[in-house]
Amino acid sequence: MPPSRRQNGLRARFDEGGVALGVLDTAYSPTLVEFYGDLGVDFVWVDLEHGGPSPWDAGAMEDVLRAAERTGTELVVRLPTTDPTLVRKALDLGVRNVFLPRVESADEVRAAVRSSRFRYDGGPGDRGLASPRARRWGLAEDYVDTEDNETLVGVTIENRQSLANLDEILAVPELGFVFIGPFDLSVSLGYPGDIDHPKVQEAVETILSTAVDAGVPVGGLGFGMDDVNEKAKHGYQMLNLGSTTGALKGVVEGWFEAYDGERPL
């Protein structure tokens, strides 16, 4: 029987009105991605903007994708640019959830979303039709019929420009989600690192309420489980619980604190 593409669990969770919980894997490890999947996370975030392998390194990306696919978790890949060519490349490798950084305009977002679709907004899309890994090298007979439904392209709202153009960005057809980036927002608004500054918090609340009103799923960072629970109650549908390095830091520091012997300063 020819292989078929399984349902995108992240999109299904959004459509159900639920909340997806995930982890940022800062080790870019297929083993850890697989382990996170076995632990039951809804998605693993792989950030190629601030680190990791080159997004053009097909072999490295395929290894991470195979780990996610084996456990049925979704991989959310943040690309380093909004280049439509790079979006198409990632999707052809088998990525289904693409996450664009530092967007500024609706036109930029529209070009990226169109590049992910065979059919777009009542007309033709800009996605290339070939027989890549995403199509199981030509074996998946339902590829064209299902791919548009199982692909999400989201954007990070994290600068003055995207904030000013928020309504137009949210109106882009088939936008998958918006992710609020408070740290880059703090830089762009003139308060670098101070994500609790009233101006930064005002921007965050504006993004959240405007996106919820527009019916676009909202993602964000969780700063502890009390914060995660609060955000889930107030409209966030995609929450990052923490990172590999952050989790290890907490555990190892806890071990050292509990150790009764002496340690070098």
C-alpha atoms as a PDB file:
ATOM      1  CA  MET A   1       0.000   0.000   0.000  1.00  0.00           C
ATOM      2  CA  PRO A   2       1.448   3.428  -0.897  1.00  0.00           C
ATOM      3  CA  PRO A   3       2.385   5.532   2.171  1.00  0.00           C
ATOM      4  CA  SER A   4       0.192   8.467   3.149  1.00  0.00           C
ATOM      5  CA  ARG A   5       0.895  11.531   5.261  1.00  0.00           C
ATOM      6  CA  ARG A   6      -0.403  11.338   8.823  1.00  0.00           C
ATOM      7  CA  GLN A   7      -2.533  14.123  10.216  1.00  0.00           C
ATOM      8  CA  ASN A   8      -0.723  17.168  11.549  1.00  0.00           C
ATOM      9  CA  GLY A   9      -1.324  16.902  15.289  1.00  0.00           C
ATOM     10  CA  LEU A  10      -0.581  20.572  15.887  1.00  0.00           C
ATOM     11  CA  ARG A  11      -3.137  21.730  13.344  1.00  0.00           C
ATOM     12  CA  ALA A  12      -5.677  19.260  14.746  1.00  0.00           C
ATOM     13  CA  ARG A  13      -5.114  20.637  18.255  1.00  0.00           C
ATOM     14  CA  PHE A  14      -5.661  24.193  17.031  1.00  0.00           C
ATOM     15  CA  ASP A  15      -8.820  23.208  15.151  1.00  0.00           C
ATOM     16  CA  GLU A  16     -10.187  21.550  18.302  1.00  0.00           C
ATOM     17  CA  GLY A  17      -9.555  24.708  20.299  1.00  0.00           C
ATOM     18  CA  GLY A  18      -7.009  22.936  22.494  1.00  0.00           C
ATOM     19  CA  VAL A  19      -3.565  23.901  23.764  1.00  0.00           C
ATOM     20  CA  ALA A  20      -0.357  22.322  22.434  1.00  0.00           C
ATOM     21  CA  LEU A  21       2.572  22.006  24.837  1.00  0.00           C
ATOM     22  CA  GLY A  22       6.137  21.703  23.607  1.00  0.00           C
ATOM     23  CA  VAL A  23       9.840  21.981  24.343  1.00  0.00           C
ATOM     24  CA  LEU A  24      12.669  23.857  22.655  1.00  0.00           C
ATOM     25  CA  ASP A  25      15.471  21.384  21.950  1.00  0.00           C
ATOM     26  CA  THR A  26      18.614  23.489  22.143  1.00  0.00           C
ATOM     27  CA  ALA A  27      20.797  20.387  21.616  1.00  0.00           C
ATOM     28  CA  TYR A  28      19.410  19.722  18.117  1.00  0.00           C
ATOM     29  CA  SER A  29      19.581  16.020  18.975  1.00  0.00           C
ATOM     30  CA  PRO A  30      17.511  13.370  17.172  1.00  0.00           C
ATOM     31  CA  THR A  31      17.798  11.215  20.305  1.00  0.00           C
ATOM     32  CA  LEU A  32      16.323  13.943  22.501  1.00  0.00           C
ATOM     33  CA  VAL A  33      13.611  14.777  19.973  1.00  0.00           C
ATOM     34  CA  GLU A  34      12.631  11.111  19.974  1.00  0.00           C
ATOM     35  CA  PHE A  35      12.709  11.003  23.784  1.00  0.00           C
ATOM     36  CA  TYR A  36      10.552  14.127  24.067  1.00  0.00           C
ATOM     37  CA  GLY A  37       8.061  12.455  21.741  1.00  0.00           C
ATOM     38  CA  ASP A  38       7.963   9.354  23.920  1.00  0.00           C
ATOM     39  CA  LEU A  39       7.400  11.608  26.942  1.00  0.00           C
ATOM     40  CA  GLY A  40       4.270  12.913  25.199  1.00  0.00           C
ATOM     41  CA  VAL A  41       5.043  16.505  24.227  1.00  0.00           C
ATOM     42  CA  ASP A  42       2.837  17.846  21.448  1.00  0.00           C
ATOM     43  CA  PHE A  43       5.691  19.530  19.611  1.00  0.00           C
ATOM     44  CA  VAL A  44       9.448  19.974  19.673  1.00  0.00           C
ATOM     45  CA  TRP A  45      10.686  23.384  18.623  1.00  0.00           C
ATOM     46  CA  VAL A  46      13.913  23.425  16.621  1.00  0.00           C
ATOM     47  CA  ASP A  47      15.278  26.950  16.289  1.00  0.00           C
ATOM     48  CA  LEU A  48      17.483  27.454  13.245  1.00  0.00           C
ATOM     49  CA  GLU A  49      17.496  31.233  13.662  1.00  0.00           C
ATOM     50  CA  HIS A  50      19.730  31.346  16.735  1.00  0.00           C
ATOM     51  CA  GLY A  51      21.689  28.113  16.317  1.00  0.00           C
ATOM     52  CA  GLY A  52      21.661  24.555  15.102  1.00  0.00           C
ATOM     53  CA  PRO A  53      22.559  23.084  11.735  1.00  0.00           C
ATOM     54  CA  SER A  54      22.203  24.976   8.489  1.00  0.00           C
ATOM     55  CA  PRO A  55      18.583  24.861   7.272  1.00  0.00           C
ATOM     56  CA  TRP A  56      20.060  23.780   3.932  1.00  0.00           C
ATOM     57  CA  ASP A  57      21.666  20.692   5.545  1.00  0.00           C
ATOM     58  CA  ALA A  58      19.149  18.094   4.406  1.00  0.00           C
ATOM     59  CA  GLY A  59      20.838  15.191   6.177  1.00  0.00           C
ATOM     60  CA  ALA A  60      20.833  16.847   9.589  1.00  0.00           C
ATOM     61  CA  MET A  61      17.206  17.927   9.254  1.00  0.00           C
ATOM     62  CA  GLU A  62      16.069  14.492   8.056  1.00  0.00           C
ATOM     63  CA  ASP A  63      17.573  12.849  11.152  1.00  0.00           C
ATOM     64  CA  VAL A  64      15.616  15.173  13.442  1.00  0.00           C
ATOM     65  CA  LEU A  65      12.455  14.686  11.387  1.00  0.00           C
ATOM     66  CA  ARG A  66      12.718  10.902  11.556  1.00  0.00           C
ATOM     67  CA  ALA A  67      12.974  11.094  15.352  1.00  0.00           C
ATOM     68  CA  ALA A  68       9.804  13.198  15.563  1.00  0.00           C
ATOM     69  CA  GLU A  69       7.910  11.044  13.083  1.00  0.00           C
ATOM     70  CA  ARG A  70       8.735   7.823  14.934  1.00  0.00           C
ATOM     71  CA  THR A  71       7.095   9.074  18.110  1.00  0.00           C
ATOM     72  CA  GLY A  72       4.234  10.986  16.484  1.00  0.00           C
ATOM     73  CA  THR A  73       5.224  14.385  17.843  1.00  0.00           C
ATOM     74  CA  GLU A  74       5.261  17.488  15.671  1.00  0.00           C
ATOM     75  CA  LEU A  75       8.442  19.317  14.768  1.00  0.00           C
ATOM     76  CA  VAL A  76       8.137  23.111  14.683  1.00  0.00           C
ATOM     77  CA  VAL A  77      11.071  24.561  12.766  1.00  0.00           C
ATOM     78  CA  ARG A  78      11.939  28.229  13.033  1.00  0.00           C
ATOM     79  CA  LEU A  79      13.836  29.247   9.928  1.00  0.00           C
ATOM     80  CA  PRO A  80      16.496  31.993   9.947  1.00  0.00           C
ATOM     81  CA  THR A  81      14.751  34.025   7.200  1.00  0.00           C
ATOM     82  CA  THR A  82      11.373  34.401   5.526  1.00  0.00           C
ATOM     83  CA  ASP A  83      12.811  33.490   2.107  1.00  0.00           C
ATOM     84  CA  PRO A  84      10.097  31.537   0.209  1.00  0.00           C
ATOM     85  CA  THR A  85      12.797  29.339  -1.328  1.00  0.00           C
ATOM     86  CA  LEU A  86      13.889  28.241   2.141  1.00  0.00           C
ATOM     87  CA  VAL A  87      10.263  27.624   3.146  1.00  0.00           C
ATOM     88  CA  ARG A  88       9.818  25.318   0.152  1.00  0.00           C
ATOM     89  CA  LYS A  89      13.087  23.531   0.940  1.00  0.00           C
ATOM     90  CA  ALA A  90      12.050  22.822   4.534  1.00  0.00           C
ATOM     91  CA  LEU A  91       8.627  21.557   3.495  1.00  0.00           C
ATOM     92  CA  ASP A  92      10.065  19.274   0.831  1.00  0.00           C
ATOM     93  CA  LEU A  93      12.291  17.704   3.502  1.00  0.00           C
ATOM     94  CA  GLY A  94       9.155  16.824   5.453  1.00  0.00           C
ATOM     95  CA  VAL A  95       8.743  19.756   7.845  1.00  0.00           C
ATOM     96  CA  ARG A  96       5.052  20.557   8.264  1.00  0.00           C
ATOM     97  CA  ASN A  97       5.211  23.404  10.778  1.00  0.00           C
ATOM     98  CA  VAL A  98       7.367  26.315   9.659  1.00  0.00           C
ATOM     99  CA  PHE A  99       7.952  29.264  11.931  1.00  0.00           C
ATOM    100  CA  LEU A 100       9.175  32.558  10.396  1.00  0.00           C
ATOM    101  CA  PRO A 101      11.285  35.075  12.358  1.00  0.00           C
ATOM    102  CA  ARG A 102      11.326  38.858  12.385  1.00  0.00           C
ATOM    103  CA  VAL A 103       8.527  39.414   9.891  1.00  0.00           C
ATOM    104  CA  GLU A 104       7.625  43.011   9.156  1.00  0.00           C
ATOM    105  CA  SER A 105       4.865  43.185   6.538  1.00  0.00           C
ATOM    106  CA  ALA A 106       1.815  41.339   5.317  1.00  0.00           C
ATOM    107  CA  ASP A 107       3.302  41.103   1.825  1.00  0.00           C
ATOM    108  CA  GLU A 108       6.337  39.277   3.209  1.00  0.00           C
ATOM    109  CA  VAL A 109       4.135  36.857   5.130  1.00  0.00           C
ATOM    110  CA  ARG A 110       1.802  36.310   2.187  1.00  0.00           C
ATOM    111  CA  ALA A 111       4.702  35.387  -0.092  1.00  0.00           C
ATOM    112  CA  ALA A 112       5.961  32.833   2.433  1.00  0.00           C
ATOM    113  CA  VAL A 113       2.532  31.282   3.027  1.00  0.00           C
ATOM    114  CA  ARG A 114       1.820  31.124  -0.709  1.00  0.00           C
ATOM    115  CA  SER A 115       5.134  29.310  -1.210  1.00  0.00           C
ATOM    116  CA  SER A 116       3.838  26.568   1.092  1.00  0.00           C
ATOM    117  CA  ARG A 117       0.672  25.902  -0.905  1.00  0.00           C
ATOM    118  CA  PHE A 118      -0.245  24.208  -4.171  1.00  0.00           C
ATOM    119  CA  ARG A 119      -3.541  26.099  -4.086  1.00  0.00           C
ATOM    120  CA  TYR A 120      -3.750  29.458  -2.360  1.00  0.00           C
ATOM    121  CA  ASP A 121      -6.608  31.848  -1.654  1.00  0.00           C
ATOM    122  CA  GLY A 122      -8.729  30.622  -4.546  1.00  0.00           C
ATOM    123  CA  GLY A 123      -5.855  30.503  -7.038  1.00  0.00           C
ATOM    124  CA  PRO A 124      -2.571  28.715  -7.671  1.00  0.00           C
ATOM    125  CA  GLY A 125       0.091  28.565  -4.976  1.00  0.00           C
ATOM    126  CA  ASP A 126       3.864  28.815  -5.333  1.00  0.00           C
ATOM    127  CA  ARG A 127       4.935  25.460  -3.941  1.00  0.00           C
ATOM    128  CA  GLY A 128       7.030  23.331  -6.237  1.00  0.00           C
ATOM    129  CA  LEU A 129       5.644  19.931  -7.196  1.00  0.00           C
ATOM    130  CA  ALA A 130       8.304  17.242  -7.200  1.00  0.00           C
ATOM    131  CA  SER A 131       8.952  13.900  -5.503  1.00  0.00           C
ATOM    132  CA  PRO A 132      10.939  14.830  -2.375  1.00  0.00           C
ATOM    133  CA  ARG A 133      10.990  13.160   1.028  1.00  0.00           C
ATOM    134  CA  ALA A 134       7.722  14.906   1.968  1.00  0.00           C
ATOM    135  CA  ARG A 135       6.067  12.997  -0.882  1.00  0.00           C
ATOM    136  CA  ARG A 136       7.843   9.793   0.126  1.00  0.00           C
ATOM    137  CA  TRP A 137       9.879  10.156  -3.054  1.00  0.00           C
ATOM    138  CA  GLY A 138       6.779   9.952  -5.227  1.00  0.00           C
ATOM    139  CA  LEU A 139       5.085   7.056  -3.429  1.00  0.00           C
ATOM    140  CA  ALA A 140       2.461   9.089  -1.511  1.00  0.00           C
ATOM    141  CA  GLU A 141      -0.555   9.182  -3.803  1.00  0.00           C
ATOM    142  CA  ASP A 142      -2.505  11.633  -1.616  1.00  0.00           C
ATOM    143  CA  TYR A 143       0.296  14.211  -1.455  1.00  0.00           C
ATOM    144  CA  VAL A 144      -1.233  17.062  -3.472  1.00  0.00           C
ATOM    145  CA  ASP A 145      -4.707  16.544  -2.010  1.00  0.00           C
ATOM    146  CA  THR A 146      -3.621  16.546   1.637  1.00  0.00           C
ATOM    147  CA  GLU A 147      -0.417  18.577   1.855  1.00  0.00           C
ATOM    148  CA  ASP A 148      -2.038  22.014   1.955  1.00  0.00           C
ATOM    149  CA  ASN A 149      -4.263  20.862   4.831  1.00  0.00           C
ATOM    150  CA  GLU A 150      -1.385  19.427   6.854  1.00  0.00           C
ATOM    151  CA  THR A 151       1.042  22.366   6.550  1.00  0.00           C
ATOM    152  CA  LEU A 152       1.242  25.344   8.908  1.00  0.00           C
ATOM    153  CA  VAL A 153       3.277  28.491   8.350  1.00  0.00           C
ATOM    154  CA  GLY A 154       3.430  30.694  11.425  1.00  0.00           C
ATOM    155  CA  VAL A 155       5.172  33.980  12.158  1.00  0.00           C
ATOM    156  CA  THR A 156       6.876  35.612  15.118  1.00  0.00           C
ATOM    157  CA  ILE A 157       5.571  39.036  16.067  1.00  0.00           C
ATOM    158  CA  GLU A 158       8.659  40.551  17.695  1.00  0.00           C
ATOM    159  CA  ASN A 159       9.384  44.044  16.389  1.00  0.00           C
ATOM    160  CA  ARG A 160       7.859  47.494  15.926  1.00  0.00           C
ATOM    161  CA  GLN A 161       7.141  46.895  12.244  1.00  0.00           C
ATOM    162  CA  SER A 162       5.135  43.710  12.740  1.00  0.00           C
ATOM    163  CA  LEU A 163       3.292  45.323  15.645  1.00  0.00           C
ATOM    164  CA  ALA A 164       2.329  48.291  13.466  1.00  0.00           C
ATOM    165  CA  ASN A 165       1.202  45.966  10.666  1.00  0.00           C
ATOM    166  CA  LEU A 166      -0.452  43.410  12.931  1.00  0.00           C
ATOM    167  CA  ASP A 167      -3.981  43.647  11.510  1.00  0.00           C
ATOM    168  CA  GLU A 168      -2.754  43.201   7.941  1.00  0.00           C
ATOM    169  CA  ILE A 169      -0.503  40.269   8.901  1.00  0.00           C
ATOM    170  CA  LEU A 170      -3.334  38.516  10.735  1.00  0.00           C
ATOM    171  CA  ALA A 171      -5.524  38.922   7.657  1.00  0.00           C
ATOM    172  CA  VAL A 172      -3.112  36.946   5.434  1.00  0.00           C
ATOM    173  CA  PRO A 173      -5.076  33.913   4.181  1.00  0.00           C
ATOM    174  CA  GLU A 174      -4.111  30.571   5.732  1.00  0.00           C
ATOM    175  CA  LEU A 175      -1.702  32.017   8.272  1.00  0.00           C
ATOM    176  CA  GLY A 176      -1.086  29.102  10.637  1.00  0.00           C
ATOM    177  CA  PHE A 177      -0.294  30.877  13.914  1.00  0.00           C
ATOM    178  CA  VAL A 178       1.454  33.853  15.470  1.00  0.00           C
ATOM    179  CA  PHE A 179       4.115  33.425  18.117  1.00  0.00           C
ATOM    180  CA  ILE A 180       4.783  36.326  20.472  1.00  0.00           C
ATOM    181  CA  GLY A 181       8.483  37.069  20.919  1.00  0.00           C
ATOM    182  CA  PRO A 182       8.816  39.216  24.063  1.00  0.00           C
ATOM    183  CA  PHE A 183      12.611  39.367  24.132  1.00  0.00           C
ATOM    184  CA  ASP A 184      13.064  40.769  20.633  1.00  0.00           C
ATOM    185  CA  LEU A 185      10.044  42.995  21.238  1.00  0.00           C
ATOM    186  CA  SER A 186      11.832  44.431  24.274  1.00  0.00           C
ATOM    187  CA  VAL A 187      14.835  45.252  22.090  1.00  0.00           C
ATOM    188  CA  SER A 188      12.758  46.761  19.293  1.00  0.00           C
ATOM    189  CA  LEU A 189      10.755  48.891  21.724  1.00  0.00           C
ATOM    190  CA  GLY A 190      13.898  50.219  23.392  1.00  0.00           C
ATOM    191  CA  TYR A 191      13.916  48.183  26.622  1.00  0.00           C
ATOM    192  CA  PRO A 192      16.302  45.305  25.844  1.00  0.00           C
ATOM    193  CA  GLY A 193      15.801  42.345  28.155  1.00  0.00           C
ATOM    194  CA  ASP A 194      13.092  44.033  30.231  1.00  0.00           C
ATOM    195  CA  ILE A 195      10.157  41.912  29.113  1.00  0.00           C
ATOM    196  CA  ASP A 196       8.123  43.063  32.123  1.00  0.00           C
ATOM    197  CA  HIS A 197       8.322  46.727  31.105  1.00  0.00           C
ATOM    198  CA  PRO A 198       4.802  48.167  30.775  1.00  0.00           C
ATOM    199  CA  LYS A 199       5.355  49.069  27.113  1.00  0.00           C
ATOM    200  CA  VAL A 200       6.476  45.517  26.299  1.00  0.00           C
ATOM    201  CA  GLN A 201       3.609  43.973  28.242  1.00  0.00           C
ATOM    202  CA  GLU A 202       1.168  46.308  26.497  1.00  0.00           C
ATOM    203  CA  ALA A 203       2.493  45.138  23.123  1.00  0.00           C
ATOM    204  CA  VAL A 204       2.193  41.489  24.168  1.00  0.00           C
ATOM    205  CA  GLU A 205      -1.413  41.961  25.277  1.00  0.00           C
ATOM    206  CA  THR A 206      -2.239  43.806  22.055  1.00  0.00           C
ATOM    207  CA  ILE A 207      -0.862  40.950  19.952  1.00  0.00           C
ATOM    208  CA  LEU A 208      -2.706  38.335  22.006  1.00  0.00           C
ATOM    209  CA  SER A 209      -6.107  40.021  22.004  1.00  0.00           C
ATOM    210  CA  THR A 210      -5.934  41.053  18.339  1.00  0.00           C
ATOM    211  CA  ALA A 211      -4.919  37.579  17.173  1.00  0.00           C
ATOM    212  CA  VAL A 212      -7.581  35.858  19.286  1.00  0.00           C
ATOM    213  CA  ASP A 213     -10.219  38.214  17.864  1.00  0.00           C
ATOM    214  CA  ALA A 214      -8.950  37.403  14.342  1.00  0.00           C
ATOM    215  CA  GLY A 215      -9.205  33.657  14.985  1.00  0.00           C
ATOM    216  CA  VAL A 216      -5.466  33.048  14.540  1.00  0.00           C
ATOM    217  CA  PRO A 217      -3.860  30.651  17.072  1.00  0.00           C
ATOM    218  CA  VAL A 218      -1.341  32.306  19.399  1.00  0.00           C
ATOM    219  CA  GLY A 219       1.904  30.782  20.670  1.00  0.00           C
ATOM    220  CA  GLY A 220       4.250  31.963  23.363  1.00  0.00           C
ATOM    221  CA  LEU A 221       6.897  31.198  25.935  1.00  0.00           C
ATOM    222  CA  GLY A 222       6.014  29.777  29.332  1.00  0.00           C
ATOM    223  CA  PHE A 223       7.979  31.137  32.292  1.00  0.00           C
ATOM    224  CA  GLY A 224       7.179  28.389  34.792  1.00  0.00           C
ATOM    225  CA  MET A 225       4.034  26.318  35.026  1.00  0.00           C
ATOM    226  CA  ASP A 226       1.986  28.984  36.817  1.00  0.00           C
ATOM    227  CA  ASP A 227       2.612  31.238  33.810  1.00  0.00           C
ATOM    228  CA  VAL A 228       1.813  28.409  31.385  1.00  0.00           C
ATOM    229  CA  ASN A 229      -1.492  27.691  33.113  1.00  0.00           C
ATOM    230  CA  GLU A 230      -2.392  31.378  33.161  1.00  0.00           C
ATOM    231  CA  LYS A 231      -1.603  31.811  29.471  1.00  0.00           C
ATOM    232  CA  ALA A 232      -3.572  28.702  28.528  1.00  0.00           C
ATOM    233  CA  LYS A 233      -6.602  30.206  30.278  1.00  0.00           C
ATOM    234  CA  HIS A 234      -6.234  33.492  28.401  1.00  0.00           C
ATOM    235  CA  GLY A 235      -6.157  32.372  24.792  1.00  0.00           C
ATOM    236  CA  TYR A 236      -2.715  30.910  24.059  1.00  0.00           C
ATOM    237  CA  GLN A 237      -2.958  27.659  22.092  1.00  0.00           C
ATOM    238  CA  MET A 238       0.747  26.877  21.721  1.00  0.00           C
ATOM    239  CA  LEU A 239       3.073  27.096  24.707  1.00  0.00           C
ATOM    240  CA  ASN A 240       6.738  26.303  25.034  1.00  0.00           C
ATOM    241  CA  LEU A 241       7.403  24.808  28.475  1.00  0.00           C
ATOM    242  CA  GLY A 242      11.165  25.246  28.458  1.00  0.00           C
ATOM    243  CA  SER A 243      14.356  24.115  26.801  1.00  0.00           C
ATOM    244  CA  THR A 244      16.746  21.186  26.946  1.00  0.00           C
ATOM    245  CA  THR A 245      19.552  23.311  28.376  1.00  0.00           C
ATOM    246  CA  GLY A 246      17.197  25.033  30.814  1.00  0.00           C
ATOM    247  CA  ALA A 247      15.890  21.709  32.123  1.00  0.00           C
ATOM    248  CA  LEU A 248      19.398  20.287  32.509  1.00  0.00           C
ATOM    249  CA  LYS A 249      20.602  23.441  34.241  1.00  0.00           C
ATOM    250  CA  GLY A 250      17.841  23.186  36.833  1.00  0.00           C
ATOM    251  CA  VAL A 251      18.417  19.490  37.493  1.00  0.00           C
ATOM    252  CA  VAL A 252      22.218  19.657  37.717  1.00  0.00           C
ATOM    253  CA  GLU A 253      22.174  22.753  39.936  1.00  0.00           C
ATOM    254  CA  GLY A 254      19.667  20.966  42.164  1.00  0.00           C
ATOM    255  CA  TRP A 255      22.000  17.989  42.478  1.00  0.00           C
ATOM    256  CA  PHE A 256      24.883  20.258  43.490  1.00  0.00           C
ATOM    257  CA  GLU A 257      22.733  22.085  46.041  1.00  0.00           C
ATOM    258  CA  ALA A 258      21.675  18.777  47.589  1.00  0.00           C
ATOM    259  CA  TYR A 259      25.232  17.450  47.792  1.00  0.00           C
ATOM    260  CA  ASP A 260      26.573  17.432  51.356  1.00  0.00           C
ATOM    261  CA  GLY A 261      30.262  17.362  50.476  1.00  0.00           C
ATOM    262  CA  GLU A 262      32.578  20.207  49.585  1.00  0.00           C
ATOM    263  CA  ARG A 263      32.946  21.463  46.021  1.00  0.00           C
ATOM    264  CA  PRO A 264      35.539  23.838  44.525  1.00  0.00           C
ATOM    265  CA  LEU A 265      34.396  27.435  44.294  1.00  0.00           C
END
